[in-house]
Protein backbone atom coordinates (compact mmCIF):
# COMPACT_ATOMS: atom_id res chain seq x y z
CA UNK A 1 -36.65 13.32 -53.98
CA UNK A 2 -34.44 16.17 -52.74
CA UNK A 3 -30.69 16.23 -53.25
CA UNK A 4 -27.85 18.66 -53.81
CA UNK A 5 -24.52 18.61 -55.61
CA UNK A 6 -21.60 20.62 -54.37
CA UNK A 7 -18.36 21.13 -56.32
CA UNK A 8 -15.10 20.35 -54.52
CA UNK A 9 -11.45 20.74 -55.49
CA UNK A 10 -10.27 17.34 -54.16
CA UNK A 11 -11.35 14.48 -51.96
CA UNK A 12 -10.31 14.71 -48.31
CA UNK A 13 -7.68 12.27 -47.12
CA UNK A 14 -8.92 9.40 -45.01
CA UNK A 15 -8.51 9.77 -41.27
CA UNK A 16 -7.02 6.77 -39.54
CA UNK A 17 -7.63 6.03 -35.91
CA UNK A 18 -4.43 6.02 -33.93
CA UNK A 19 -4.57 2.99 -31.69
CA UNK A 20 -7.77 1.31 -30.65
CA UNK A 21 -10.59 1.82 -28.21
CA UNK A 22 -9.36 -1.38 -26.53
CA UNK A 23 -5.85 -0.01 -25.86
CA UNK A 24 -6.86 1.60 -22.53
CA UNK A 25 -7.84 -1.86 -21.20
CA UNK A 26 -4.39 -3.25 -21.97
CA UNK A 27 -2.61 -0.12 -20.71
CA UNK A 28 -4.56 -0.12 -17.43
CA UNK A 29 -3.80 -3.81 -16.91
CA UNK A 30 -0.08 -3.35 -17.54
CA UNK A 31 -0.04 -0.42 -15.10
CA UNK A 32 -1.85 -2.39 -12.39
CA UNK A 33 -0.10 -4.55 -9.81
CA UNK A 34 -2.41 -7.56 -10.29
CA UNK A 35 -1.18 -10.48 -12.40
CA UNK A 36 -4.65 -11.81 -13.27
CA UNK A 37 -7.81 -9.79 -13.86
CA UNK A 38 -11.33 -10.39 -15.13
CA UNK A 39 -12.40 -8.06 -17.95
CA UNK A 40 -16.02 -7.02 -18.56
CA UNK A 41 -17.10 -4.62 -21.28
CA UNK A 42 -20.80 -3.81 -21.42
CA UNK A 43 -22.47 -5.15 -24.55
CA UNK A 44 -19.50 -7.26 -25.65
CA UNK A 45 -19.13 -11.03 -25.60
CA UNK A 46 -15.99 -12.46 -23.95
CA UNK A 47 -14.85 -14.24 -27.11
CA UNK A 48 -15.27 -11.06 -29.16
CA UNK A 49 -13.23 -9.14 -26.59
CA UNK A 50 -10.52 -11.79 -26.64
CA UNK A 51 -10.24 -11.46 -30.42
CA UNK A 52 -10.01 -7.66 -30.28
CA UNK A 53 -7.53 -7.61 -27.40
CA UNK A 54 -5.38 -10.27 -29.06
CA UNK A 55 -5.20 -8.10 -32.18
CA UNK A 56 -4.00 -5.16 -30.10
CA UNK A 57 -1.56 -7.30 -28.12
CA UNK A 58 -0.12 -8.52 -31.42
CA UNK A 59 0.04 -4.98 -32.88
CA UNK A 60 1.79 -3.65 -29.77
CA UNK A 61 4.13 -6.68 -29.67
CA UNK A 62 3.10 -7.61 -26.12
CA UNK A 63 2.75 -11.37 -26.71
CA UNK A 64 5.51 -12.11 -24.21
CA UNK A 65 3.88 -9.91 -21.54
CA UNK A 66 0.10 -10.39 -21.74
CA UNK A 67 -2.06 -13.46 -22.30
CA UNK A 68 -5.84 -13.66 -22.76
CA UNK A 69 -8.15 -16.54 -21.98
CA UNK A 70 -11.89 -17.15 -21.80
CA UNK A 71 -13.41 -19.50 -19.22
CA UNK A 72 -17.19 -19.85 -18.87
CA UNK A 73 -17.73 -16.78 -21.08
CA UNK A 74 -15.52 -14.59 -18.86
CA UNK A 75 -12.39 -12.96 -20.28
CA UNK A 76 -9.20 -12.96 -18.22
CA UNK A 77 -5.99 -11.01 -18.80
CA UNK A 78 -2.85 -12.50 -17.33
CA UNK A 79 0.68 -11.20 -17.08
CA UNK A 80 3.15 -13.72 -18.47
CA UNK A 81 6.08 -14.40 -16.16
């Protein structure tokens, strides 16, 4: 078994992601003129996407502006009026 040990002065600080990879979906929707859109992300289930987008909507305090729903395993984003 090969290994190596390397001395260091201190541990690096943890890097936190600013925002989310799902933020562009919400931003694009809010910038669009449509009030209702269907969202598809390759390799992701609609219910998983709803959970992730709801977390971002909550974090960005957009609950009064954007609503998510899943019908027949298709995710929809809707602007709340």
